[in-house]
Amino acid sequence: MKYQNRTKNLAIQENNYYVVIDFDKTITASKSLDSWMAIIDFNIYGEDCKKEIEKLNETYAPIELDYQISKEKKEQYMIEWYQKSMDLLYQYGLTKTNLQKSLQKETLLLREGAKEFFKNLNDSQIPVIILSAGIGNVIEEFLKQQEIYFNNIHIISNFIQFKGDNMQKFEGELLHSMNKTIEGKLPKNWQDKISKTKYAILLR
């Protein structure tokens, strides 16, 4: 699926809408790594790190896709998965420098037509909310590298707090695949902005 020309099809009169869009496999291409895996350069962090991440993914990814599990139980598993993944980043000493270096190796790939899509939305000053259970720092850095991190974009995601170059902690409430929502997560100026619009367009 391409983004090309989709903004023309979404041309509601008077630009009376905002866009909510996922990041992994939506802004990025289907063959791209996700924003968690994109920053793990195994040449830096080693084979043990790779094995631990693969073990987590093998354990929890099938649970995420199992619709026989209750929402409550699945949410518990997702919290476990995300927290253990965060612990690995602490354990192996993720730094801001290594995060940026990893993204320069094209571990993330932009979906075809996405750059034009975001430029068109920015030209029309359409509010864009990126809602992702990934890592916000990765999303922000990637959009900057692609030169599409415009002032009409707001990111709701899991952000890492750094002190200098070193990772300190994740900020705020954990966002995972079972609790992704913009409710209560927008700053007042953005809430005021979207409250003036009539339509919301969701892309995921």
N, C-alpha and C. Protein backbone atom coordinates (compact mmCIF):
# COMPACT_ATOMS: atom_id res chain seq x y z
N MET A 1 0.84 -1.20 0.00
CA MET A 1 0.00 0.00 0.00
C MET A 1 0.88 1.24 0.00
N LYS A 2 0.55 2.21 -0.83
CA LYS A 2 1.29 3.46 -0.90
C LYS A 2 0.47 4.58 -0.28
N TYR A 3 1.19 5.62 0.16
CA TYR A 3 0.54 6.82 0.66
C TYR A 3 0.27 7.83 -0.46
N GLN A 4 0.92 7.63 -1.60
CA GLN A 4 0.90 8.64 -2.65
C GLN A 4 -0.52 9.02 -3.03
N ASN A 5 -0.77 10.33 -3.04
CA ASN A 5 -2.04 10.93 -3.44
C ASN A 5 -3.20 10.66 -2.46
N ARG A 6 -2.93 9.99 -1.35
CA ARG A 6 -4.04 9.71 -0.44
C ARG A 6 -4.56 10.98 0.22
N THR A 7 -3.68 11.98 0.39
CA THR A 7 -4.15 13.22 0.99
C THR A 7 -5.17 13.91 0.10
N LYS A 8 -5.11 13.71 -1.21
CA LYS A 8 -6.11 14.30 -2.09
C LYS A 8 -7.47 13.64 -1.86
N ASN A 9 -7.45 12.33 -1.63
CA ASN A 9 -8.70 11.63 -1.35
C ASN A 9 -9.28 12.00 0.01
N LEU A 10 -8.41 12.50 0.90
CA LEU A 10 -8.85 12.88 2.24
C LEU A 10 -9.15 14.37 2.33
N ALA A 11 -9.25 15.02 1.19
CA ALA A 11 -9.36 16.47 1.17
C ALA A 11 -10.76 16.92 1.58
N ILE A 12 -11.06 16.77 2.85
CA ILE A 12 -12.33 17.26 3.39
C ILE A 12 -12.29 18.78 3.36
N GLN A 13 -13.39 19.37 2.97
CA GLN A 13 -13.43 20.82 2.82
C GLN A 13 -13.01 21.52 4.10
N GLU A 14 -12.26 22.58 3.93
CA GLU A 14 -11.79 23.44 5.01
C GLU A 14 -10.79 22.73 5.93
N ASN A 15 -10.24 21.57 5.47
CA ASN A 15 -9.25 20.85 6.27
C ASN A 15 -9.73 20.60 7.70
N ASN A 16 -10.98 20.22 7.82
CA ASN A 16 -11.62 20.11 9.13
C ASN A 16 -11.41 18.70 9.71
N TYR A 17 -10.15 18.27 9.80
CA TYR A 17 -9.87 16.93 10.31
C TYR A 17 -8.44 16.86 10.86
N TYR A 18 -8.20 15.80 11.63
CA TYR A 18 -6.83 15.49 12.07
C TYR A 18 -6.57 14.02 11.80
N VAL A 19 -5.31 13.63 11.81
CA VAL A 19 -4.91 12.26 11.47
C VAL A 19 -4.24 11.61 12.67
N VAL A 20 -4.66 10.38 12.98
CA VAL A 20 -3.99 9.55 13.98
C VAL A 20 -3.39 8.37 13.23
N ILE A 21 -2.10 8.15 13.41
CA ILE A 21 -1.42 7.15 12.60
C ILE A 21 -0.44 6.33 13.44
N ASP A 22 -0.42 5.02 13.21
CA ASP A 22 0.54 4.14 13.84
C ASP A 22 1.91 4.32 13.17
N PHE A 23 2.96 3.81 13.80
CA PHE A 23 4.30 3.96 13.23
C PHE A 23 4.79 2.68 12.57
N ASP A 24 4.98 1.62 13.36
CA ASP A 24 5.56 0.38 12.84
C ASP A 24 4.65 -0.28 11.81
N LYS A 25 5.21 -0.53 10.62
CA LYS A 25 4.51 -1.17 9.51
C LYS A 25 3.37 -0.30 8.95
N THR A 26 3.32 0.96 9.34
CA THR A 26 2.32 1.89 8.80
C THR A 26 3.05 3.07 8.17
N ILE A 27 3.79 3.81 8.99
CA ILE A 27 4.70 4.81 8.44
C ILE A 27 5.92 4.11 7.84
N THR A 28 6.35 3.05 8.50
CA THR A 28 7.47 2.27 7.95
C THR A 28 6.94 1.16 7.04
N ALA A 29 7.84 0.63 6.23
CA ALA A 29 7.48 -0.41 5.26
C ALA A 29 7.26 -1.75 5.95
N SER A 30 6.57 -2.65 5.28
CA SER A 30 6.25 -3.95 5.86
C SER A 30 7.51 -4.77 6.15
N LYS A 31 8.58 -4.56 5.39
CA LYS A 31 9.81 -5.31 5.61
C LYS A 31 10.77 -4.62 6.58
N SER A 32 10.36 -3.50 7.12
CA SER A 32 11.19 -2.76 8.07
C SER A 32 11.18 -3.44 9.43
N LEU A 33 12.28 -3.26 10.19
CA LEU A 33 12.26 -3.65 11.59
C LEU A 33 11.31 -2.74 12.36
N ASP A 34 10.86 -3.18 13.55
CA ASP A 34 10.04 -2.27 14.35
C ASP A 34 10.96 -1.35 15.16
N SER A 35 10.36 -0.38 15.84
CA SER A 35 11.16 0.66 16.49
C SER A 35 11.88 0.15 17.74
N TRP A 36 11.51 -1.03 18.25
CA TRP A 36 12.27 -1.65 19.34
C TRP A 36 13.52 -2.34 18.80
N MET A 37 13.33 -3.15 17.77
CA MET A 37 14.45 -3.92 17.24
C MET A 37 15.44 -3.04 16.47
N ALA A 38 14.98 -1.93 15.94
CA ALA A 38 15.83 -1.09 15.08
C ALA A 38 17.04 -0.53 15.82
N ILE A 39 16.94 -0.38 17.14
CA ILE A 39 18.05 0.24 17.88
C ILE A 39 19.00 -0.78 18.49
N ILE A 40 18.71 -2.08 18.31
CA ILE A 40 19.57 -3.11 18.90
C ILE A 40 20.57 -3.57 17.85
N ASP A 41 21.74 -2.99 17.88
CA ASP A 41 22.82 -3.37 16.98
C ASP A 41 23.61 -4.49 17.68
N PHE A 42 23.44 -5.72 17.20
CA PHE A 42 24.06 -6.85 17.87
C PHE A 42 25.59 -6.85 17.74
N ASN A 43 26.12 -6.08 16.80
CA ASN A 43 27.57 -5.92 16.73
C ASN A 43 28.09 -5.13 17.94
N ILE A 44 27.20 -4.32 18.52
CA ILE A 44 27.56 -3.54 19.71
C ILE A 44 27.22 -4.31 20.98
N TYR A 45 26.01 -4.89 21.02
CA TYR A 45 25.51 -5.47 22.27
C TYR A 45 25.77 -6.96 22.41
N GLY A 46 26.14 -7.63 21.32
CA GLY A 46 26.61 -9.00 21.43
C GLY A 46 25.55 -10.07 21.25
N GLU A 47 26.03 -11.30 21.17
CA GLU A 47 25.19 -12.46 20.89
C GLU A 47 24.24 -12.78 22.05
N ASP A 48 24.67 -12.55 23.28
CA ASP A 48 23.80 -12.83 24.44
C ASP A 48 22.55 -11.95 24.41
N CYS A 49 22.74 -10.69 24.04
CA CYS A 49 21.61 -9.77 23.93
C CYS A 49 20.64 -10.27 22.86
N LYS A 50 21.17 -10.70 21.73
CA LYS A 50 20.34 -11.21 20.64
C LYS A 50 19.51 -12.40 21.10
N LYS A 51 20.14 -13.33 21.81
CA LYS A 51 19.44 -14.52 22.27
C LYS A 51 18.32 -14.17 23.24
N GLU A 52 18.58 -13.21 24.13
CA GLU A 52 17.56 -12.84 25.12
C GLU A 52 16.36 -12.17 24.45
N ILE A 53 16.61 -11.32 23.47
CA ILE A 53 15.52 -10.66 22.75
C ILE A 53 14.72 -11.67 21.95
N GLU A 54 15.40 -12.58 21.28
CA GLU A 54 14.70 -13.61 20.50
C GLU A 54 13.83 -14.48 21.40
N LYS A 55 14.32 -14.79 22.59
CA LYS A 55 13.55 -15.60 23.54
C LYS A 55 12.28 -14.87 23.97
N LEU A 56 12.41 -13.56 24.25
CA LEU A 56 11.24 -12.76 24.63
C LEU A 56 10.21 -12.74 23.50
N ASN A 57 10.68 -12.50 22.30
CA ASN A 57 9.77 -12.43 21.14
C ASN A 57 9.08 -13.76 20.89
N GLU A 58 9.82 -14.86 21.03
CA GLU A 58 9.23 -16.18 20.83
C GLU A 58 8.17 -16.49 21.88
N THR A 59 8.36 -15.97 23.08
CA THR A 59 7.42 -16.21 24.18
C THR A 59 6.16 -15.38 24.05
N TYR A 60 6.33 -14.08 23.77
CA TYR A 60 5.20 -13.16 23.89
C TYR A 60 4.50 -12.81 22.58
N ALA A 61 5.21 -12.85 21.45
CA ALA A 61 4.57 -12.50 20.17
C ALA A 61 3.36 -13.38 19.86
N PRO A 62 3.43 -14.71 20.06
CA PRO A 62 2.23 -15.53 19.82
C PRO A 62 1.07 -15.18 20.74
N ILE A 63 1.37 -14.76 21.96
CA ILE A 63 0.32 -14.38 22.90
C ILE A 63 -0.40 -13.13 22.40
N GLU A 64 0.36 -12.18 21.87
CA GLU A 64 -0.23 -10.94 21.36
C GLU A 64 -1.23 -11.22 20.25
N LEU A 65 -0.99 -12.27 19.47
CA LEU A 65 -1.85 -12.59 18.33
C LEU A 65 -2.90 -13.65 18.64
N ASP A 66 -2.94 -14.11 19.89
CA ASP A 66 -3.88 -15.15 20.29
C ASP A 66 -5.19 -14.50 20.78
N TYR A 67 -6.25 -14.61 19.98
CA TYR A 67 -7.51 -13.96 20.32
C TYR A 67 -8.39 -14.81 21.21
N GLN A 68 -7.88 -15.98 21.65
CA GLN A 68 -8.60 -16.81 22.60
C GLN A 68 -8.31 -16.38 24.04
N ILE A 69 -7.26 -15.60 24.22
CA ILE A 69 -6.89 -15.12 25.56
C ILE A 69 -7.71 -13.88 25.90
N SER A 70 -8.17 -13.80 27.12
CA SER A 70 -8.98 -12.65 27.53
C SER A 70 -8.16 -11.36 27.46
N LYS A 71 -8.85 -10.25 27.28
CA LYS A 71 -8.19 -8.95 27.19
C LYS A 71 -7.37 -8.66 28.45
N GLU A 72 -7.95 -8.99 29.60
CA GLU A 72 -7.27 -8.72 30.87
C GLU A 72 -5.98 -9.52 30.99
N LYS A 73 -6.05 -10.82 30.65
CA LYS A 73 -4.87 -11.67 30.76
C LYS A 73 -3.82 -11.26 29.73
N LYS A 74 -4.25 -10.95 28.52
CA LYS A 74 -3.30 -10.55 27.48
C LYS A 74 -2.60 -9.25 27.87
N GLU A 75 -3.32 -8.34 28.48
CA GLU A 75 -2.72 -7.08 28.90
C GLU A 75 -1.61 -7.32 29.92
N GLN A 76 -1.81 -8.26 30.83
CA GLN A 76 -0.77 -8.60 31.80
C GLN A 76 0.49 -9.11 31.10
N TYR A 77 0.29 -9.97 30.11
CA TYR A 77 1.43 -10.50 29.35
C TYR A 77 2.15 -9.40 28.58
N MET A 78 1.39 -8.46 28.00
CA MET A 78 2.01 -7.38 27.23
C MET A 78 2.84 -6.48 28.14
N ILE A 79 2.35 -6.22 29.33
CA ILE A 79 3.12 -5.41 30.29
C ILE A 79 4.42 -6.12 30.64
N GLU A 80 4.34 -7.43 30.87
CA GLU A 80 5.54 -8.22 31.16
C GLU A 80 6.54 -8.12 30.01
N TRP A 81 6.06 -8.28 28.79
CA TRP A 81 6.93 -8.26 27.60
C TRP A 81 7.64 -6.92 27.46
N TYR A 82 6.88 -5.85 27.58
CA TYR A 82 7.46 -4.53 27.40
C TYR A 82 8.43 -4.20 28.52
N GLN A 83 8.08 -4.55 29.75
CA GLN A 83 8.97 -4.25 30.87
C GLN A 83 10.27 -5.04 30.77
N LYS A 84 10.19 -6.31 30.37
CA LYS A 84 11.40 -7.11 30.21
C LYS A 84 12.25 -6.59 29.05
N SER A 85 11.61 -6.11 28.01
CA SER A 85 12.35 -5.52 26.88
C SER A 85 13.06 -4.24 27.32
N MET A 86 12.39 -3.43 28.12
CA MET A 86 13.01 -2.22 28.65
C MET A 86 14.19 -2.57 29.56
N ASP A 87 14.02 -3.60 30.38
CA ASP A 87 15.10 -4.02 31.28
C ASP A 87 16.35 -4.42 30.50
N LEU A 88 16.16 -5.05 29.33
CA LEU A 88 17.30 -5.43 28.50
C LEU A 88 18.06 -4.20 28.00
N LEU A 89 17.32 -3.15 27.66
CA LEU A 89 17.99 -1.93 27.20
C LEU A 89 18.82 -1.32 28.33
N TYR A 90 18.28 -1.36 29.56
CA TYR A 90 19.07 -0.91 30.72
C TYR A 90 20.31 -1.79 30.89
N GLN A 91 20.09 -3.11 30.86
CA GLN A 91 21.14 -4.08 31.13
C GLN A 91 22.31 -3.95 30.17
N TYR A 92 22.00 -3.72 28.89
CA TYR A 92 23.06 -3.67 27.88
C TYR A 92 23.53 -2.24 27.59
N GLY A 93 23.06 -1.29 28.37
CA GLY A 93 23.62 0.05 28.33
C GLY A 93 23.35 0.84 27.07
N LEU A 94 22.07 0.88 26.67
CA LEU A 94 21.72 1.70 25.51
C LEU A 94 22.14 3.15 25.73
N THR A 95 22.76 3.75 24.72
CA THR A 95 23.11 5.17 24.76
C THR A 95 22.44 5.90 23.61
N LYS A 96 22.33 7.20 23.76
CA LYS A 96 21.74 8.02 22.69
C LYS A 96 22.59 7.93 21.42
N THR A 97 23.91 7.89 21.59
CA THR A 97 24.81 7.80 20.44
C THR A 97 24.58 6.51 19.66
N ASN A 98 24.49 5.39 20.38
CA ASN A 98 24.27 4.10 19.70
C ASN A 98 22.89 4.02 19.07
N LEU A 99 21.91 4.64 19.70
CA LEU A 99 20.57 4.69 19.12
C LEU A 99 20.61 5.38 17.76
N GLN A 100 21.28 6.53 17.70
CA GLN A 100 21.37 7.28 16.45
C GLN A 100 22.17 6.52 15.40
N LYS A 101 23.26 5.87 15.83
CA LYS A 101 24.08 5.09 14.89
C LYS A 101 23.29 3.93 14.29
N SER A 102 22.50 3.26 15.12
CA SER A 102 21.72 2.12 14.63
C SER A 102 20.74 2.54 13.55
N LEU A 103 20.12 3.71 13.72
CA LEU A 103 19.13 4.17 12.76
C LEU A 103 19.78 4.61 11.45
N GLN A 104 21.05 4.96 11.49
CA GLN A 104 21.74 5.34 10.27
C GLN A 104 22.08 4.13 9.40
N LYS A 105 21.90 2.93 9.94
CA LYS A 105 22.17 1.71 9.18
C LYS A 105 20.95 1.21 8.42
N GLU A 106 19.94 2.06 8.31
CA GLU A 106 18.72 1.74 7.57
C GLU A 106 18.00 0.52 8.15
N THR A 107 17.95 0.48 9.47
CA THR A 107 17.18 -0.57 10.13
C THR A 107 15.68 -0.28 10.04
N LEU A 108 15.34 0.99 9.85
CA LEU A 108 13.96 1.39 9.60
C LEU A 108 13.84 1.85 8.15
N LEU A 109 12.75 1.48 7.50
CA LEU A 109 12.53 1.84 6.09
C LEU A 109 11.20 2.55 5.96
N LEU A 110 11.22 3.71 5.34
CA LEU A 110 10.00 4.49 5.16
C LEU A 110 9.12 3.86 4.08
N ARG A 111 7.83 3.80 4.35
CA ARG A 111 6.89 3.27 3.36
C ARG A 111 6.88 4.18 2.12
N GLU A 112 6.75 3.58 0.96
CA GLU A 112 6.74 4.35 -0.29
C GLU A 112 5.59 5.35 -0.29
N GLY A 113 5.92 6.60 -0.62
CA GLY A 113 4.91 7.65 -0.67
C GLY A 113 4.69 8.37 0.65
N ALA A 114 5.28 7.85 1.75
CA ALA A 114 5.03 8.44 3.07
C ALA A 114 5.61 9.84 3.19
N LYS A 115 6.77 10.07 2.57
CA LYS A 115 7.38 11.39 2.67
C LYS A 115 6.49 12.46 2.03
N GLU A 116 5.94 12.16 0.87
CA GLU A 116 5.04 13.11 0.20
C GLU A 116 3.74 13.29 1.01
N PHE A 117 3.29 12.21 1.59
CA PHE A 117 2.07 12.24 2.41
C PHE A 117 2.24 13.21 3.57
N PHE A 118 3.34 13.10 4.29
CA PHE A 118 3.57 13.98 5.44
C PHE A 118 3.83 15.42 5.01
N LYS A 119 4.48 15.60 3.89
CA LYS A 119 4.72 16.97 3.40
C LYS A 119 3.40 17.64 3.02
N ASN A 120 2.50 16.89 2.39
CA ASN A 120 1.20 17.44 2.03
C ASN A 120 0.39 17.82 3.26
N LEU A 121 0.42 16.96 4.28
CA LEU A 121 -0.31 17.26 5.52
C LEU A 121 0.28 18.49 6.21
N ASN A 122 1.60 18.61 6.16
CA ASN A 122 2.24 19.78 6.77
C ASN A 122 1.90 21.06 6.00
N ASP A 123 1.91 20.97 4.67
CA ASP A 123 1.58 22.15 3.87
C ASP A 123 0.18 22.67 4.19
N SER A 124 -0.72 21.74 4.49
CA SER A 124 -2.10 22.12 4.82
C SER A 124 -2.30 22.32 6.32
N GLN A 125 -1.21 22.14 7.09
CA GLN A 125 -1.24 22.26 8.55
C GLN A 125 -2.34 21.41 9.17
N ILE A 126 -2.42 20.16 8.73
CA ILE A 126 -3.33 19.17 9.32
C ILE A 126 -2.63 18.57 10.54
N PRO A 127 -3.27 18.57 11.71
CA PRO A 127 -2.65 17.96 12.89
C PRO A 127 -2.45 16.45 12.68
N VAL A 128 -1.26 15.97 12.99
CA VAL A 128 -0.93 14.55 12.86
C VAL A 128 -0.46 14.03 14.22
N ILE A 129 -1.15 13.01 14.72
CA ILE A 129 -0.77 12.38 15.99
C ILE A 129 -0.25 10.98 15.67
N ILE A 130 1.02 10.75 15.96
CA ILE A 130 1.60 9.42 15.79
C ILE A 130 1.42 8.68 17.12
N LEU A 131 0.64 7.62 17.08
CA LEU A 131 0.31 6.84 18.28
C LEU A 131 0.98 5.48 18.15
N SER A 132 1.99 5.23 18.97
CA SER A 132 2.78 4.02 18.80
C SER A 132 3.17 3.42 20.14
N ALA A 133 3.13 2.08 20.21
CA ALA A 133 3.63 1.37 21.39
C ALA A 133 5.13 1.09 21.25
N GLY A 134 5.75 1.72 20.29
CA GLY A 134 7.19 1.59 20.09
C GLY A 134 7.96 2.55 21.00
N ILE A 135 9.10 3.01 20.50
CA ILE A 135 9.96 3.91 21.28
C ILE A 135 9.94 5.29 20.63
N GLY A 136 9.45 6.27 21.39
CA GLY A 136 9.27 7.61 20.85
C GLY A 136 10.55 8.26 20.37
N ASN A 137 11.66 8.05 21.08
CA ASN A 137 12.94 8.63 20.66
C ASN A 137 13.35 8.13 19.29
N VAL A 138 13.06 6.85 19.02
CA VAL A 138 13.39 6.25 17.72
C VAL A 138 12.55 6.90 16.63
N ILE A 139 11.25 7.03 16.90
CA ILE A 139 10.34 7.64 15.92
C ILE A 139 10.77 9.07 15.60
N GLU A 140 11.04 9.84 16.65
CA GLU A 140 11.44 11.23 16.47
C GLU A 140 12.74 11.34 15.67
N GLU A 141 13.75 10.55 16.04
CA GLU A 141 15.04 10.59 15.35
C GLU A 141 14.89 10.16 13.89
N PHE A 142 14.09 9.13 13.65
CA PHE A 142 13.89 8.64 12.29
C PHE A 142 13.21 9.70 11.42
N LEU A 143 12.18 10.34 11.94
CA LEU A 143 11.49 11.38 11.17
C LEU A 143 12.42 12.56 10.89
N LYS A 144 13.30 12.88 11.84
CA LYS A 144 14.27 13.96 11.62
C LYS A 144 15.25 13.57 10.51
N GLN A 145 15.72 12.31 10.54
CA GLN A 145 16.64 11.86 9.51
C GLN A 145 16.00 11.86 8.12
N GLN A 146 14.69 11.62 8.09
CA GLN A 146 13.95 11.62 6.83
C GLN A 146 13.48 13.02 6.42
N GLU A 147 13.74 14.00 7.30
CA GLU A 147 13.37 15.41 7.09
C GLU A 147 11.86 15.59 6.96
N ILE A 148 11.12 14.86 7.81
CA ILE A 148 9.65 15.00 7.80
C ILE A 148 9.10 15.17 9.23
N TYR A 149 9.95 15.62 10.14
CA TYR A 149 9.48 15.87 11.50
C TYR A 149 9.01 17.32 11.58
N PHE A 150 7.77 17.54 11.14
CA PHE A 150 7.22 18.88 11.02
C PHE A 150 6.51 19.32 12.31
N ASN A 151 6.21 20.61 12.38
CA ASN A 151 5.59 21.12 13.61
C ASN A 151 4.11 20.78 13.74
N ASN A 152 3.53 20.12 12.74
CA ASN A 152 2.13 19.67 12.85
C ASN A 152 2.05 18.24 13.39
N ILE A 153 3.19 17.68 13.84
CA ILE A 153 3.24 16.30 14.31
C ILE A 153 3.43 16.26 15.83
N HIS A 154 2.64 15.40 16.48
CA HIS A 154 2.83 15.12 17.91
C HIS A 154 2.93 13.61 18.09
N ILE A 155 3.90 13.16 18.88
CA ILE A 155 4.15 11.73 19.07
C ILE A 155 3.70 11.30 20.46
N ILE A 156 2.85 10.27 20.51
CA ILE A 156 2.49 9.62 21.76
C ILE A 156 3.11 8.23 21.73
N SER A 157 4.06 7.98 22.61
CA SER A 157 4.79 6.71 22.57
C SER A 157 5.54 6.53 23.88
N ASN A 158 6.42 5.54 23.92
CA ASN A 158 7.27 5.29 25.09
C ASN A 158 8.60 6.02 24.88
N PHE A 159 8.83 7.06 25.67
CA PHE A 159 10.04 7.86 25.51
C PHE A 159 11.07 7.49 26.57
N ILE A 160 12.32 7.38 26.13
CA ILE A 160 13.44 7.12 27.02
C ILE A 160 14.02 8.45 27.48
N GLN A 161 14.24 8.56 28.76
CA GLN A 161 14.90 9.75 29.30
C GLN A 161 16.40 9.48 29.37
N PHE A 162 17.18 10.37 28.78
CA PHE A 162 18.64 10.25 28.81
C PHE A 162 19.23 11.34 29.71
N LYS A 163 20.33 11.01 30.34
CA LYS A 163 21.13 12.00 31.06
C LYS A 163 22.47 12.05 30.36
N GLY A 164 22.70 13.11 29.61
CA GLY A 164 23.85 13.13 28.74
C GLY A 164 23.64 12.09 27.65
N ASP A 165 24.55 11.14 27.54
CA ASP A 165 24.44 10.09 26.53
C ASP A 165 23.79 8.83 27.08
N ASN A 166 23.64 8.76 28.40
CA ASN A 166 23.25 7.51 29.04
C ASN A 166 21.74 7.42 29.30
N MET A 167 21.21 6.23 29.06
CA MET A 167 19.80 5.96 29.31
C MET A 167 19.52 5.97 30.82
N GLN A 168 18.46 6.67 31.22
CA GLN A 168 18.07 6.73 32.62
C GLN A 168 16.84 5.88 32.91
N LYS A 169 15.73 6.18 32.21
CA LYS A 169 14.48 5.47 32.46
C LYS A 169 13.50 5.79 31.35
N PHE A 170 12.41 5.02 31.31
CA PHE A 170 11.30 5.35 30.43
C PHE A 170 10.39 6.33 31.16
N GLU A 171 9.86 7.28 30.43
CA GLU A 171 9.03 8.33 31.02
C GLU A 171 7.55 7.94 30.99
N GLY A 172 6.83 8.31 32.03
CA GLY A 172 5.38 8.24 32.03
C GLY A 172 4.81 6.82 31.98
N GLU A 173 3.55 6.76 31.60
CA GLU A 173 2.80 5.50 31.55
C GLU A 173 3.28 4.62 30.41
N LEU A 174 3.41 3.33 30.69
CA LEU A 174 3.79 2.37 29.66
C LEU A 174 2.68 2.26 28.62
N LEU A 175 3.06 2.40 27.35
CA LEU A 175 2.11 2.26 26.26
C LEU A 175 2.42 0.97 25.52
N HIS A 176 1.44 0.05 25.49
CA HIS A 176 1.64 -1.22 24.81
C HIS A 176 0.48 -1.47 23.86
N SER A 177 0.48 -2.63 23.22
CA SER A 177 -0.49 -2.88 22.15
C SER A 177 -1.93 -2.96 22.63
N MET A 178 -2.14 -3.13 23.94
CA MET A 178 -3.49 -3.29 24.46
C MET A 178 -4.07 -2.00 25.05
N ASN A 179 -3.27 -0.95 25.14
CA ASN A 179 -3.80 0.28 25.75
C ASN A 179 -3.49 1.53 24.91
N LYS A 180 -3.33 1.34 23.61
CA LYS A 180 -3.01 2.48 22.74
C LYS A 180 -4.23 3.37 22.54
N THR A 181 -4.16 4.58 23.06
CA THR A 181 -5.24 5.54 22.91
C THR A 181 -4.67 6.94 23.09
N ILE A 182 -5.33 7.93 22.49
CA ILE A 182 -4.90 9.30 22.71
C ILE A 182 -5.61 9.92 23.90
N GLU A 183 -6.60 9.21 24.45
CA GLU A 183 -7.38 9.75 25.57
C GLU A 183 -6.47 10.08 26.75
N GLY A 184 -6.51 11.33 27.19
CA GLY A 184 -5.74 11.75 28.35
C GLY A 184 -4.24 11.85 28.13
N LYS A 185 -3.80 11.74 26.89
CA LYS A 185 -2.36 11.72 26.62
C LYS A 185 -1.89 12.91 25.78
N LEU A 186 -2.78 13.83 25.48
CA LEU A 186 -2.41 14.99 24.68
C LEU A 186 -2.21 16.22 25.57
N PRO A 187 -1.19 17.02 25.29
CA PRO A 187 -1.07 18.30 26.00
C PRO A 187 -2.24 19.21 25.64
N LYS A 188 -2.51 20.18 26.48
CA LYS A 188 -3.70 21.02 26.32
C LYS A 188 -3.76 21.72 24.97
N ASN A 189 -2.62 22.22 24.49
CA ASN A 189 -2.66 22.94 23.21
C ASN A 189 -3.07 22.03 22.06
N TRP A 190 -2.67 20.75 22.14
CA TRP A 190 -3.07 19.80 21.10
C TRP A 190 -4.52 19.36 21.29
N GLN A 191 -4.95 19.21 22.50
CA GLN A 191 -6.34 18.86 22.75
C GLN A 191 -7.26 19.97 22.24
N ASP A 192 -6.86 21.22 22.47
CA ASP A 192 -7.63 22.36 21.97
C ASP A 192 -7.65 22.36 20.44
N LYS A 193 -6.52 22.01 19.85
CA LYS A 193 -6.40 22.02 18.39
C LYS A 193 -7.35 21.02 17.74
N ILE A 194 -7.36 19.77 18.24
CA ILE A 194 -8.20 18.76 17.60
C ILE A 194 -9.67 18.91 17.98
N SER A 195 -9.94 19.57 19.09
CA SER A 195 -11.34 19.77 19.49
C SER A 195 -12.07 20.69 18.53
N LYS A 196 -11.32 21.45 17.73
CA LYS A 196 -11.91 22.37 16.76
C LYS A 196 -12.19 21.70 15.42
N THR A 197 -11.78 20.45 15.27
CA THR A 197 -11.99 19.74 14.02
C THR A 197 -13.24 18.85 14.11
N LYS A 198 -13.75 18.47 12.97
CA LYS A 198 -14.98 17.69 12.91
C LYS A 198 -14.72 16.21 12.68
N TYR A 199 -13.60 15.88 11.99
CA TYR A 199 -13.34 14.50 11.61
C TYR A 199 -11.99 14.04 12.15
N ALA A 200 -11.89 12.73 12.40
CA ALA A 200 -10.61 12.09 12.72
C ALA A 200 -10.38 10.97 11.73
N ILE A 201 -9.18 10.88 11.21
CA ILE A 201 -8.82 9.84 10.25
C ILE A 201 -7.78 8.95 10.89
N LEU A 202 -8.08 7.66 11.01
CA LEU A 202 -7.19 6.71 11.67
C LEU A 202 -6.50 5.84 10.61
N LEU A 203 -5.16 5.78 10.68
CA LEU A 203 -4.38 4.94 9.78
C LEU A 203 -3.54 4.00 10.62
N ARG A 204 -3.74 2.69 10.41
CA ARG A 204 -2.97 1.71 11.20
C ARG A 204 -2.70 0.45 10.38
